[in-house]
N, C-alpha and C. Protein backbone atom coordinates (compact mmCIF):
# COMPACT_ATOMS: atom_id res chain seq x y z
N MET A 1 49.06 -74.20 116.34
CA MET A 1 48.45 -75.03 115.12
C MET A 1 48.74 -76.55 116.02
N GLU A 2 48.37 -77.46 116.25
CA GLU A 2 48.71 -78.80 116.55
C GLU A 2 49.15 -79.64 115.46
N LYS A 3 50.28 -80.31 115.47
CA LYS A 3 50.31 -80.99 114.46
C LYS A 3 49.40 -82.29 114.28
N LEU A 4 49.51 -82.29 113.10
CA LEU A 4 48.06 -83.70 112.61
C LEU A 4 48.83 -85.33 112.65
N SER A 5 48.57 -86.04 112.47
CA SER A 5 49.24 -87.01 112.68
C SER A 5 48.97 -88.13 111.41
N GLN A 6 49.83 -88.64 110.60
CA GLN A 6 49.77 -89.12 109.63
C GLN A 6 48.11 -89.14 108.79
N GLN A 7 47.63 -90.23 109.88
CA GLN A 7 45.79 -90.62 109.82
C GLN A 7 45.01 -89.01 109.53
N GLU A 8 45.16 -88.25 110.43
CA GLU A 8 44.66 -86.88 110.77
C GLU A 8 45.23 -86.13 109.19
N GLU A 9 46.35 -86.17 108.40
CA GLU A 9 46.25 -85.49 107.29
C GLU A 9 45.94 -86.01 106.43
N ASP A 10 45.35 -87.80 106.04
CA ASP A 10 44.90 -88.19 105.10
C ASP A 10 43.57 -88.12 105.05
N VAL A 11 42.94 -87.77 106.22
CA VAL A 11 41.64 -86.87 105.97
C VAL A 11 41.46 -85.95 105.91
N MET A 12 42.34 -84.57 106.10
CA MET A 12 42.37 -83.47 106.09
C MET A 12 42.39 -83.27 104.46
N GLN A 13 43.42 -84.00 103.87
CA GLN A 13 43.09 -84.27 102.34
C GLN A 13 42.10 -84.41 101.62
N VAL A 14 41.22 -85.58 102.00
CA VAL A 14 39.74 -85.80 101.54
C VAL A 14 38.96 -84.67 102.08
N VAL A 15 39.29 -84.00 102.34
CA VAL A 15 38.23 -82.69 103.42
C VAL A 15 39.07 -81.80 101.94
N TRP A 16 39.93 -80.99 102.20
CA TRP A 16 40.00 -80.10 101.33
C TRP A 16 39.78 -80.13 99.56
N GLN A 17 39.51 -81.47 99.27
CA GLN A 17 39.74 -81.81 97.79
C GLN A 17 37.50 -82.24 97.77
N MET A 18 36.73 -82.47 99.12
CA MET A 18 35.84 -82.47 98.88
C MET A 18 34.68 -80.91 99.15
N GLY A 19 35.52 -80.56 100.16
CA GLY A 19 34.85 -79.23 100.72
C GLY A 19 34.12 -79.56 101.78
N GLU A 20 33.00 -80.25 101.81
CA GLU A 20 32.48 -80.49 103.12
C GLU A 20 31.88 -81.87 102.44
N GLY A 21 30.87 -82.54 103.59
CA GLY A 21 30.85 -83.94 103.49
C GLY A 21 30.51 -84.97 104.48
N PHE A 22 29.83 -85.82 104.20
CA PHE A 22 29.58 -86.52 105.93
C PHE A 22 30.73 -87.88 105.86
N ILE A 23 30.84 -88.91 106.94
CA ILE A 23 31.92 -89.30 107.06
C ILE A 23 32.05 -90.77 106.28
N LYS A 24 30.93 -90.86 105.48
CA LYS A 24 30.67 -92.10 104.79
C LYS A 24 31.19 -91.44 103.07
N ASP A 25 30.98 -89.86 102.67
CA ASP A 25 31.12 -89.47 101.84
C ASP A 25 32.96 -89.86 101.86
N PHE A 26 33.48 -88.80 102.83
CA PHE A 26 35.25 -88.97 102.81
C PHE A 26 35.65 -90.48 102.79
N LEU A 27 34.62 -91.27 103.66
CA LEU A 27 35.48 -92.97 103.72
C LEU A 27 35.39 -93.59 101.79
N ASP A 28 34.52 -92.98 101.33
CA ASP A 28 33.92 -93.26 99.76
C ASP A 28 35.55 -92.83 98.84
N GLN A 29 35.64 -91.29 99.43
CA GLN A 29 37.03 -91.03 98.46
C GLN A 29 38.54 -91.17 98.60
N MET A 30 38.27 -92.06 100.45
CA MET A 30 39.98 -92.07 101.02
C MET A 30 40.32 -93.44 99.95
N ALA A 31 41.90 -93.61 100.19
CA ALA A 31 42.40 -94.37 99.48
C ALA A 31 42.50 -95.51 99.94
N GLU A 32 42.76 -96.78 99.01
CA GLU A 32 42.50 -98.29 99.84
C GLU A 32 43.84 -98.42 100.50
N PRO A 33 44.23 -99.06 101.61
CA PRO A 33 43.27 -99.54 101.96
C PRO A 33 42.41 -98.50 103.08
N LYS A 34 41.06 -98.69 103.37
CA LYS A 34 39.81 -97.67 103.63
C LYS A 34 40.37 -98.15 105.13
N PRO A 35 40.27 -97.31 105.96
CA PRO A 35 40.18 -97.11 107.95
C PRO A 35 38.35 -97.62 107.67
N PRO A 36 38.40 -98.61 108.65
CA PRO A 36 37.37 -98.88 108.93
C PRO A 36 36.15 -97.55 109.51
N TYR A 37 35.00 -97.18 109.38
CA TYR A 37 34.38 -96.36 109.63
C TYR A 37 34.54 -95.72 110.89
N THR A 38 33.70 -96.83 112.01
CA THR A 38 34.17 -95.96 113.27
C THR A 38 35.94 -95.57 113.47
N THR A 39 36.89 -96.08 112.83
CA THR A 39 37.94 -95.44 113.08
C THR A 39 37.92 -93.96 112.37
N LEU A 40 37.22 -93.55 111.14
CA LEU A 40 37.09 -92.45 110.42
C LEU A 40 36.46 -91.45 111.49
N ALA A 41 35.74 -92.38 111.87
CA ALA A 41 34.76 -91.53 112.64
C ALA A 41 35.38 -90.60 113.97
N SER A 42 36.35 -91.84 114.18
CA SER A 42 37.07 -91.30 115.82
C SER A 42 37.90 -90.22 115.38
N THR A 43 38.42 -89.82 113.98
CA THR A 43 39.66 -89.82 113.58
C THR A 43 39.24 -87.98 113.18
N ILE A 44 37.73 -87.75 112.67
CA ILE A 44 37.03 -86.87 111.92
C ILE A 44 37.01 -86.04 113.92
N LYS A 45 36.66 -87.06 114.45
CA LYS A 45 35.85 -86.35 115.92
C LYS A 45 36.95 -85.09 116.73
N ASN A 46 38.06 -86.16 116.53
CA ASN A 46 40.22 -85.53 117.10
C ASN A 46 40.14 -84.50 116.37
N LEU A 47 39.60 -84.09 115.17
CA LEU A 47 39.81 -82.95 114.40
C LEU A 47 38.86 -82.04 114.26
N GLU A 48 37.58 -82.28 115.38
CA GLU A 48 37.39 -81.05 114.92
C GLU A 48 37.57 -80.90 116.55
N ARG A 49 37.69 -81.64 117.34
CA ARG A 49 38.37 -81.15 118.74
C ARG A 49 39.51 -80.34 118.67
N LYS A 50 40.60 -80.82 117.48
CA LYS A 50 41.68 -79.91 117.12
C LYS A 50 41.21 -78.31 116.62
N GLU A 51 39.85 -78.93 116.19
CA GLU A 51 39.53 -77.35 115.43
C GLU A 51 39.70 -76.99 114.26
N PHE A 52 40.08 -78.53 113.95
CA PHE A 52 40.45 -78.39 112.02
C PHE A 52 39.29 -78.13 111.03
N LEU A 53 38.22 -78.75 111.67
CA LEU A 53 36.63 -79.33 111.32
C LEU A 53 35.72 -78.74 111.89
N ARG A 54 34.45 -78.54 111.30
CA ARG A 54 33.66 -78.02 111.98
C ARG A 54 32.49 -79.06 111.64
N GLY A 55 31.88 -79.06 113.07
CA GLY A 55 30.43 -80.55 112.16
C GLY A 55 29.16 -79.80 112.87
N ASP A 56 28.35 -79.60 111.45
CA ASP A 56 26.91 -79.03 111.62
C ASP A 56 25.70 -80.35 111.53
N LYS A 57 25.07 -80.05 112.22
CA LYS A 57 24.05 -81.16 112.40
C LYS A 57 22.63 -81.16 111.39
N LEU A 58 22.67 -82.30 110.81
CA LEU A 58 21.88 -82.74 109.80
C LEU A 58 20.76 -83.79 110.23
N GLY A 59 19.75 -83.22 110.98
CA GLY A 59 19.35 -84.59 111.36
C GLY A 59 19.62 -85.49 112.18
N ASN A 60 19.85 -86.63 111.97
CA ASN A 60 21.27 -87.14 112.83
C ASN A 60 22.09 -87.39 112.49
N SER A 61 22.44 -86.77 111.69
CA SER A 61 24.34 -87.04 111.04
C SER A 61 24.79 -85.89 111.02
N TYR A 62 26.08 -85.50 110.89
CA TYR A 62 26.59 -84.10 110.85
C TYR A 62 27.41 -84.17 109.52
N LYS A 63 27.62 -83.38 109.10
CA LYS A 63 28.08 -82.54 107.99
C LYS A 63 29.48 -81.98 107.90
N TYR A 64 30.61 -82.19 107.86
CA TYR A 64 31.84 -81.78 108.12
C TYR A 64 32.85 -80.74 107.44
N SER A 65 32.87 -79.88 107.81
CA SER A 65 33.96 -78.64 106.51
C SER A 65 34.86 -78.25 107.83
N ALA A 66 36.50 -78.02 106.50
CA ALA A 66 37.57 -77.50 107.06
C ALA A 66 37.49 -76.19 107.68
N LEU A 67 37.85 -75.99 109.17
CA LEU A 67 38.16 -74.62 109.61
C LEU A 67 39.39 -74.22 109.50
N ILE A 68 39.80 -75.06 109.03
CA ILE A 68 41.72 -74.38 108.34
C ILE A 68 42.01 -74.63 106.87
N LYS A 69 42.24 -73.73 106.06
CA LYS A 69 42.66 -73.52 104.90
C LYS A 69 43.68 -74.44 104.42
N GLU A 70 43.71 -75.27 103.38
CA GLU A 70 45.18 -75.85 102.80
C GLU A 70 45.89 -75.50 103.19
N GLU A 71 45.94 -74.43 102.52
CA GLU A 71 46.93 -72.92 102.11
C GLU A 71 47.93 -72.85 103.21
N ASP A 72 46.80 -72.55 104.45
CA ASP A 72 47.53 -72.22 105.79
C ASP A 72 47.76 -73.38 106.49
N TYR A 73 47.44 -74.53 106.30
CA TYR A 73 48.69 -75.77 107.23
C TYR A 73 49.34 -76.02 106.55
N LYS A 74 49.85 -75.57 105.06
CA LYS A 74 50.75 -76.28 104.55
C LYS A 74 51.93 -74.84 104.81
N LYS A 75 51.86 -73.64 105.17
CA LYS A 75 52.53 -72.91 105.18
C LYS A 75 53.69 -72.78 106.69
N ARG A 76 52.17 -73.12 107.89
CA ARG A 76 52.85 -73.56 108.94
C ARG A 76 53.30 -74.78 108.94
N PHE A 77 53.01 -75.96 108.34
CA PHE A 77 53.60 -77.59 108.62
C PHE A 77 55.03 -76.94 107.88
N MET A 78 55.27 -76.06 106.79
CA MET A 78 56.71 -75.73 105.61
C MET A 78 57.89 -75.32 106.84
N ASN A 79 57.27 -74.33 107.47
CA ASN A 79 57.94 -73.55 108.27
C ASN A 79 58.42 -74.37 109.67
N GLY A 80 57.95 -75.18 109.99
CA GLY A 80 58.22 -75.41 111.35
C GLY A 80 58.86 -76.88 110.73
N PHE A 81 58.77 -77.64 109.45
CA PHE A 81 59.37 -78.19 108.91
C PHE A 81 61.26 -77.46 109.24
N VAL A 82 61.12 -76.71 108.32
CA VAL A 82 62.47 -75.79 107.83
C VAL A 82 62.92 -75.95 108.99
N ASN A 83 62.47 -75.33 110.02
CA ASN A 83 62.88 -74.55 110.94
C ASN A 83 63.59 -76.07 112.24
N ASN A 84 62.93 -76.92 112.25
CA ASN A 84 63.28 -78.43 112.95
C ASN A 84 64.22 -78.57 112.27
N TYR A 85 64.10 -79.38 111.09
CA TYR A 85 65.62 -80.03 109.92
C TYR A 85 66.33 -79.40 109.56
N PHE A 86 66.27 -77.82 109.42
CA PHE A 86 67.34 -77.45 108.39
C PHE A 86 67.51 -75.96 109.44
N GLN A 87 67.57 -75.24 110.81
CA GLN A 87 67.90 -74.39 111.23
C GLN A 87 67.31 -73.38 110.68
N ASN A 88 66.00 -73.58 110.47
CA ASN A 88 65.20 -72.07 109.71
C ASN A 88 65.67 -71.33 108.40
N SER A 89 66.78 -72.67 107.48
CA SER A 89 67.37 -71.73 106.62
C SER A 89 66.82 -72.93 104.96
N TYR A 90 65.95 -71.63 104.69
CA TYR A 90 65.29 -72.31 103.23
C TYR A 90 66.69 -72.65 102.15
N LYS A 91 67.54 -72.21 102.65
CA LYS A 91 68.56 -72.14 101.82
C LYS A 91 68.77 -73.24 102.03
N GLU A 92 69.56 -74.15 103.05
CA GLU A 92 69.83 -75.71 103.80
C GLU A 92 68.94 -76.07 103.06
N LEU A 93 67.86 -75.82 103.33
CA LEU A 93 66.75 -77.08 102.52
C LEU A 93 67.03 -77.20 100.78
N VAL A 94 66.68 -75.90 100.46
CA VAL A 94 67.50 -76.53 98.53
C VAL A 94 68.85 -77.41 98.23
N THR A 95 69.96 -76.77 99.35
CA THR A 95 71.33 -77.65 99.23
C THR A 95 70.56 -78.67 99.40
N PHE A 96 69.71 -79.34 100.32
CA PHE A 96 69.82 -80.48 100.59
C PHE A 96 69.46 -81.12 99.73
N PHE A 97 68.41 -80.93 99.03
CA PHE A 97 67.82 -81.30 97.57
C PHE A 97 68.72 -81.59 96.76
N ALA A 98 69.05 -80.33 96.59
CA ALA A 98 70.59 -80.33 95.38
C ALA A 98 71.75 -81.57 95.15
N GLN A 99 71.81 -81.73 96.93
CA GLN A 99 73.62 -82.69 96.84
C GLN A 99 73.06 -84.02 96.94
N ASN A 100 71.67 -84.47 97.31
CA ASN A 100 71.02 -85.56 97.14
C ASN A 100 69.99 -86.14 95.74
N LYS A 101 70.52 -84.80 94.66
CA LYS A 101 69.80 -84.50 93.49
C LYS A 101 68.66 -85.15 93.14
N LYS A 102 67.30 -84.42 93.92
CA LYS A 102 66.31 -84.46 94.17
C LYS A 102 65.40 -82.83 93.50
N ILE A 103 66.78 -82.59 92.64
CA ILE A 103 65.88 -80.90 92.24
C ILE A 103 67.04 -81.16 91.20
N SER A 104 66.55 -80.17 90.04
CA SER A 104 67.88 -80.41 88.95
C SER A 104 67.99 -78.77 88.39
N THR A 105 68.67 -78.93 87.46
CA THR A 105 69.52 -77.24 87.16
C THR A 105 68.27 -76.40 86.91
N ASP A 106 67.56 -76.90 86.29
CA ASP A 106 66.12 -76.22 85.29
C ASP A 106 65.15 -76.07 86.42
N GLU A 107 65.26 -77.08 87.34
CA GLU A 107 64.08 -76.53 88.22
C GLU A 107 64.62 -75.56 89.40
N LEU A 108 66.32 -75.37 89.56
CA LEU A 108 66.34 -74.31 90.16
C LEU A 108 66.14 -73.00 89.67
N GLN A 109 66.37 -72.95 88.53
CA GLN A 109 66.43 -71.79 87.40
C GLN A 109 64.56 -71.33 87.19
N GLU A 110 63.67 -72.17 87.16
CA GLU A 110 62.72 -72.00 87.42
C GLU A 110 62.49 -71.44 89.07
N ILE A 111 63.12 -71.61 89.79
CA ILE A 111 62.79 -71.24 91.52
C ILE A 111 63.72 -69.60 91.41
N ILE A 112 64.98 -69.52 90.73
CA ILE A 112 65.10 -67.87 90.52
C ILE A 112 64.89 -67.37 89.97
N LYS A 113 63.51 -67.55 88.61
CA LYS A 113 63.22 -66.52 88.07
C LYS A 113 62.01 -66.32 89.05
N MET A 114 61.16 -67.31 89.86
CA MET A 114 59.60 -66.98 90.42
C MET A 114 60.39 -65.92 91.51
N ILE A 115 61.66 -66.36 91.93
CA ILE A 115 61.72 -65.20 93.08
C ILE A 115 62.36 -64.00 92.77
N GLU A 116 62.95 -64.14 91.34
CA GLU A 116 62.74 -62.59 90.80
C GLU A 116 61.97 -61.53 90.34
N ASN A 117 60.94 -62.47 89.81
CA ASN A 117 59.51 -61.98 89.11
C ASN A 117 58.46 -62.63 89.60
N PRO A 118 58.29 -62.19 91.23
CA PRO A 118 56.83 -63.31 91.71
C PRO A 118 55.91 -62.86 90.82
N LYS A 119 54.53 -63.41 91.00
CA LYS A 119 53.20 -63.19 90.78
C LYS A 119 52.98 -61.95 92.21
N LYS A 120 51.97 -61.71 90.85
CA LYS A 120 51.36 -60.10 92.38
C LYS A 120 49.91 -60.42 92.40
């Protein structure tokens, strides 16, 4: 799976939130400062080329929907991130956050409980 640019990720967040829509619908939901319509259209075409979106022709327009689930993208992104920056060690990732005081003892205890008692 190809890595997305920040602009592409921003668009995918809107698509995942909405489920499907037209370019104008996505533009309406984007945070300020909104990109120009033509920029968003180009980004959506790139996402379609990368097989993240599917465009279905309806009259003179296209209705777009995600081909990749948000959860699948998160898993692949995080696996790559941990591999590239933490030698493929989630322990190193958690240690980094603990040393930089980005995670509390209570949060770590919560994580331990989730590991010991995974939801089925």
